[in-house]
Amino acid sequence: MDPRGIVGIELHHHIGIAELTLSVKEPRLEQLTITRHGTTTAGEYRAHVSGIEQTGVLEWTEADGVRSANSTRVPVELRGRGIAGKLVDALIADAREQGFRIRPVCSYVEAAFGNHPEWADLRA
């Protein structure tokens, strides 16, 4: 495997057209770390995948015991691995542990609430 994570290269000839197939080793979610940053009124959850510089981010603001989930962003390099869902899971876990409610302003968080009726008690 080379430093870019390329495991193997195959070259196929089909009707005179060369097709190059790259097999890329994707970082596993076991290498995912969620960190929390901020103050009592605003902050973010950051998703770090070892070996990748970019991070996924869920931004929030808080007022009167309600944390508004304003934005969830995952860079192209990290998409399709469930990272946005893990950011929301961290928010939900903190809400249960710390006792705040969540206002899903972000469309991704709104959709996640729709898929998890068991979170209804946390919705503001």
C-alpha atoms as a PDB file:
ATOM      1  CA  MET A   1       0.000   0.000   0.000  1.00  0.00           C
ATOM      2  CA  ASP A   2       1.373   3.414  -0.885  1.00  0.00           C
ATOM      3  CA  PRO A   3       1.048   6.580   1.303  1.00  0.00           C
ATOM      4  CA  ARG A   4      -2.218   7.563  -0.416  1.00  0.00           C
ATOM      5  CA  GLY A   5      -3.858   4.357   0.797  1.00  0.00           C
ATOM      6  CA  ILE A   6      -3.918   2.706  -2.636  1.00  0.00           C
ATOM      7  CA  VAL A   7      -3.971  -1.026  -2.064  1.00  0.00           C
ATOM      8  CA  GLY A   8      -3.907  -2.298  -5.626  1.00  0.00           C
ATOM      9  CA  ILE A   9      -4.138  -1.166  -9.207  1.00  0.00           C
ATOM     10  CA  GLU A  10      -5.778  -3.212 -11.937  1.00  0.00           C
ATOM     11  CA  LEU A  11      -5.678  -2.409 -15.622  1.00  0.00           C
ATOM     12  CA  HIS A  12      -8.382  -3.910 -17.807  1.00  0.00           C
ATOM     13  CA  HIS A  13      -8.598  -3.758 -21.614  1.00  0.00           C
ATOM     14  CA  HIS A  14     -12.104  -3.937 -23.023  1.00  0.00           C
ATOM     15  CA  ILE A  15     -12.807  -3.308 -26.703  1.00  0.00           C
ATOM     16  CA  GLY A  16      -9.607  -1.291 -27.050  1.00  0.00           C
ATOM     17  CA  ILE A  17     -10.410   0.983 -24.088  1.00  0.00           C
ATOM     18  CA  ALA A  18      -8.160   0.896 -21.043  1.00  0.00           C
ATOM     19  CA  GLU A  19      -9.945   1.067 -17.701  1.00  0.00           C
ATOM     20  CA  LEU A  20      -7.975   1.807 -14.557  1.00  0.00           C
ATOM     21  CA  THR A  21      -9.443   0.627 -11.254  1.00  0.00           C
ATOM     22  CA  LEU A  22      -7.980   1.873  -7.979  1.00  0.00           C
ATOM     23  CA  SER A  23      -8.702   0.090  -4.748  1.00  0.00           C
ATOM     24  CA  VAL A  24      -8.450   2.564  -1.886  1.00  0.00           C
ATOM     25  CA  LYS A  25      -8.298   1.549   1.743  1.00  0.00           C
ATOM     26  CA  GLU A  26     -10.799   3.710   3.629  1.00  0.00           C
ATOM     27  CA  PRO A  27     -10.108   4.660   7.257  1.00  0.00           C
ATOM     28  CA  ARG A  28     -12.368   2.677   9.552  1.00  0.00           C
ATOM     29  CA  LEU A  29     -14.701   4.356  12.000  1.00  0.00           C
ATOM     30  CA  GLU A  30     -12.756   2.734  14.842  1.00  0.00           C
ATOM     31  CA  GLN A  31     -10.232   5.476  14.077  1.00  0.00           C
ATOM     32  CA  LEU A  32     -12.882   8.166  14.620  1.00  0.00           C
ATOM     33  CA  THR A  33     -12.641  10.515  17.597  1.00  0.00           C
ATOM     34  CA  ILE A  34     -15.313  13.068  18.530  1.00  0.00           C
ATOM     35  CA  THR A  35     -14.102  16.074  20.532  1.00  0.00           C
ATOM     36  CA  ARG A  36     -16.113  18.848  22.164  1.00  0.00           C
ATOM     37  CA  HIS A  37     -15.142  22.520  21.987  1.00  0.00           C
ATOM     38  CA  GLY A  38     -16.840  25.668  23.224  1.00  0.00           C
ATOM     39  CA  THR A  39     -18.338  27.554  26.111  1.00  0.00           C
ATOM     40  CA  THR A  40     -21.674  27.336  27.881  1.00  0.00           C
ATOM     41  CA  THR A  41     -23.376  29.357  25.109  1.00  0.00           C
ATOM     42  CA  ALA A  42     -21.789  28.107  21.856  1.00  0.00           C
ATOM     43  CA  GLY A  43     -19.542  25.376  20.594  1.00  0.00           C
ATOM     44  CA  GLU A  44     -19.013  22.482  18.285  1.00  0.00           C
ATOM     45  CA  TYR A  45     -18.438  18.781  18.064  1.00  0.00           C
ATOM     46  CA  ARG A  46     -15.523  17.810  15.825  1.00  0.00           C
ATOM     47  CA  ALA A  47     -15.032  14.422  14.169  1.00  0.00           C
ATOM     48  CA  HIS A  48     -11.401  13.469  13.620  1.00  0.00           C
ATOM     49  CA  VAL A  49     -10.382  10.461  11.513  1.00  0.00           C
ATOM     50  CA  SER A  50      -6.758   9.458  12.045  1.00  0.00           C
ATOM     51  CA  GLY A  51      -4.606  10.139   9.020  1.00  0.00           C
ATOM     52  CA  ILE A  52      -7.002  12.766   7.574  1.00  0.00           C
ATOM     53  CA  GLU A  53      -6.500  16.468   8.245  1.00  0.00           C
ATOM     54  CA  GLN A  54     -10.100  17.610   7.578  1.00  0.00           C
ATOM     55  CA  THR A  55     -12.724  17.309  10.316  1.00  0.00           C
ATOM     56  CA  GLY A  56     -16.492  17.001  10.389  1.00  0.00           C
ATOM     57  CA  VAL A  57     -18.223  19.638  12.522  1.00  0.00           C
ATOM     58  CA  LEU A  58     -21.599  20.068  14.229  1.00  0.00           C
ATOM     59  CA  GLU A  59     -22.028  23.661  15.464  1.00  0.00           C
ATOM     60  CA  TRP A  60     -24.439  24.642  18.237  1.00  0.00           C
ATOM     61  CA  THR A  61     -25.568  27.592  20.342  1.00  0.00           C
ATOM     62  CA  GLU A  62     -27.330  27.363  23.700  1.00  0.00           C
ATOM     63  CA  ALA A  63     -29.850  29.536  25.511  1.00  0.00           C
ATOM     64  CA  ASP A  64     -32.170  28.695  28.424  1.00  0.00           C
ATOM     65  CA  GLY A  65     -31.230  25.006  28.504  1.00  0.00           C
ATOM     66  CA  VAL A  66     -31.844  24.494  24.781  1.00  0.00           C
ATOM     67  CA  ARG A  67     -28.960  23.687  22.474  1.00  0.00           C
ATOM     68  CA  SER A  68     -29.711  24.684  18.854  1.00  0.00           C
ATOM     69  CA  ALA A  69     -27.932  22.402  16.383  1.00  0.00           C
ATOM     70  CA  ASN A  70     -27.246  25.003  13.694  1.00  0.00           C
ATOM     71  CA  SER A  71     -24.980  23.304  11.179  1.00  0.00           C
ATOM     72  CA  THR A  72     -23.456  19.915  10.389  1.00  0.00           C
ATOM     73  CA  ARG A  73     -20.635  19.803   7.835  1.00  0.00           C
ATOM     74  CA  VAL A  74     -18.570  16.840   6.688  1.00  0.00           C
ATOM     75  CA  PRO A  75     -15.813  17.363   4.083  1.00  0.00           C
ATOM     76  CA  VAL A  76     -16.000  15.403   0.835  1.00  0.00           C
ATOM     77  CA  GLU A  77     -13.051  13.229   1.944  1.00  0.00           C
ATOM     78  CA  LEU A  78     -15.054  12.001   4.943  1.00  0.00           C
ATOM     79  CA  ARG A  79     -18.535  11.649   3.472  1.00  0.00           C
ATOM     80  CA  GLY A  80     -20.360   8.342   3.225  1.00  0.00           C
ATOM     81  CA  ARG A  81     -18.897   6.916   6.435  1.00  0.00           C
ATOM     82  CA  GLY A  82     -21.609   7.830   8.920  1.00  0.00           C
ATOM     83  CA  ILE A  83     -19.572  10.624  10.477  1.00  0.00           C
ATOM     84  CA  ALA A  84     -22.397  13.186  10.545  1.00  0.00           C
ATOM     85  CA  GLY A  85     -24.498  10.598  12.376  1.00  0.00           C
ATOM     86  CA  LYS A  86     -21.738  10.084  14.935  1.00  0.00           C
ATOM     87  CA  LEU A  87     -21.625  13.843  15.548  1.00  0.00           C
ATOM     88  CA  VAL A  88     -25.377  13.848  16.199  1.00  0.00           C
ATOM     89  CA  ASP A  89     -25.002  10.777  18.454  1.00  0.00           C
ATOM     90  CA  ALA A  90     -22.482  12.735  20.566  1.00  0.00           C
ATOM     91  CA  LEU A  91     -24.939  15.646  20.850  1.00  0.00           C
ATOM     92  CA  ILE A  92     -27.729  13.265  21.893  1.00  0.00           C
ATOM     93  CA  ALA A  93     -25.500  11.525  24.469  1.00  0.00           C
ATOM     94  CA  ASP A  94     -24.526  14.875  25.991  1.00  0.00           C
ATOM     95  CA  ALA A  95     -28.168  15.991  26.099  1.00  0.00           C
ATOM     96  CA  ARG A  96     -29.084  12.862  28.057  1.00  0.00           C
ATOM     97  CA  GLU A  97     -26.104  13.218  30.390  1.00  0.00           C
ATOM     98  CA  GLN A  98     -26.239  16.995  30.915  1.00  0.00           C
ATOM     99  CA  GLY A  99     -30.003  17.532  30.775  1.00  0.00           C
ATOM    100  CA  PHE A 100     -30.356  20.038  27.942  1.00  0.00           C
ATOM    101  CA  ARG A 101     -32.882  19.864  25.089  1.00  0.00           C
ATOM    102  CA  ILE A 102     -32.122  20.189  21.386  1.00  0.00           C
ATOM    103  CA  ARG A 103     -33.603  22.445  18.717  1.00  0.00           C
ATOM    104  CA  PRO A 104     -32.696  20.890  15.331  1.00  0.00           C
ATOM    105  CA  VAL A 105     -32.113  23.944  13.127  1.00  0.00           C
ATOM    106  CA  CYS A 106     -29.807  22.033  10.769  1.00  0.00           C
ATOM    107  CA  SER A 107     -31.639  19.915   8.177  1.00  0.00           C
ATOM    108  CA  TYR A 108     -29.418  16.882   8.873  1.00  0.00           C
ATOM    109  CA  VAL A 109     -30.190  16.973  12.607  1.00  0.00           C
ATOM    110  CA  GLU A 110     -33.883  17.508  11.816  1.00  0.00           C
ATOM    111  CA  ALA A 111     -33.865  14.387   9.622  1.00  0.00           C
ATOM    112  CA  ALA A 112     -32.023  12.412  12.319  1.00  0.00           C
ATOM    113  CA  PHE A 113     -34.753  13.305  14.833  1.00  0.00           C
ATOM    114  CA  GLY A 114     -37.321  12.104  12.319  1.00  0.00           C
ATOM    115  CA  ASN A 115     -35.529   8.758  12.097  1.00  0.00           C
ATOM    116  CA  HIS A 116     -35.238   8.356  15.883  1.00  0.00           C
ATOM    117  CA  PRO A 117     -38.586   8.708  17.654  1.00  0.00           C
ATOM    118  CA  GLU A 118     -36.831   7.633  20.871  1.00  0.00           C
ATOM    119  CA  TRP A 119     -35.199  11.089  20.916  1.00  0.00           C
ATOM    120  CA  ALA A 120     -38.560  12.919  21.078  1.00  0.00           C
ATOM    121  CA  ASP A 121     -38.092  13.732  24.777  1.00  0.00           C
ATOM    122  CA  LEU A 122     -34.938  15.719  23.921  1.00  0.00           C
ATOM    123  CA  ARG A 123     -36.523  17.880  21.245  1.00  0.00           C
ATOM    124  CA  ALA A 124     -37.183  21.519  22.146  1.00  0.00           C
END
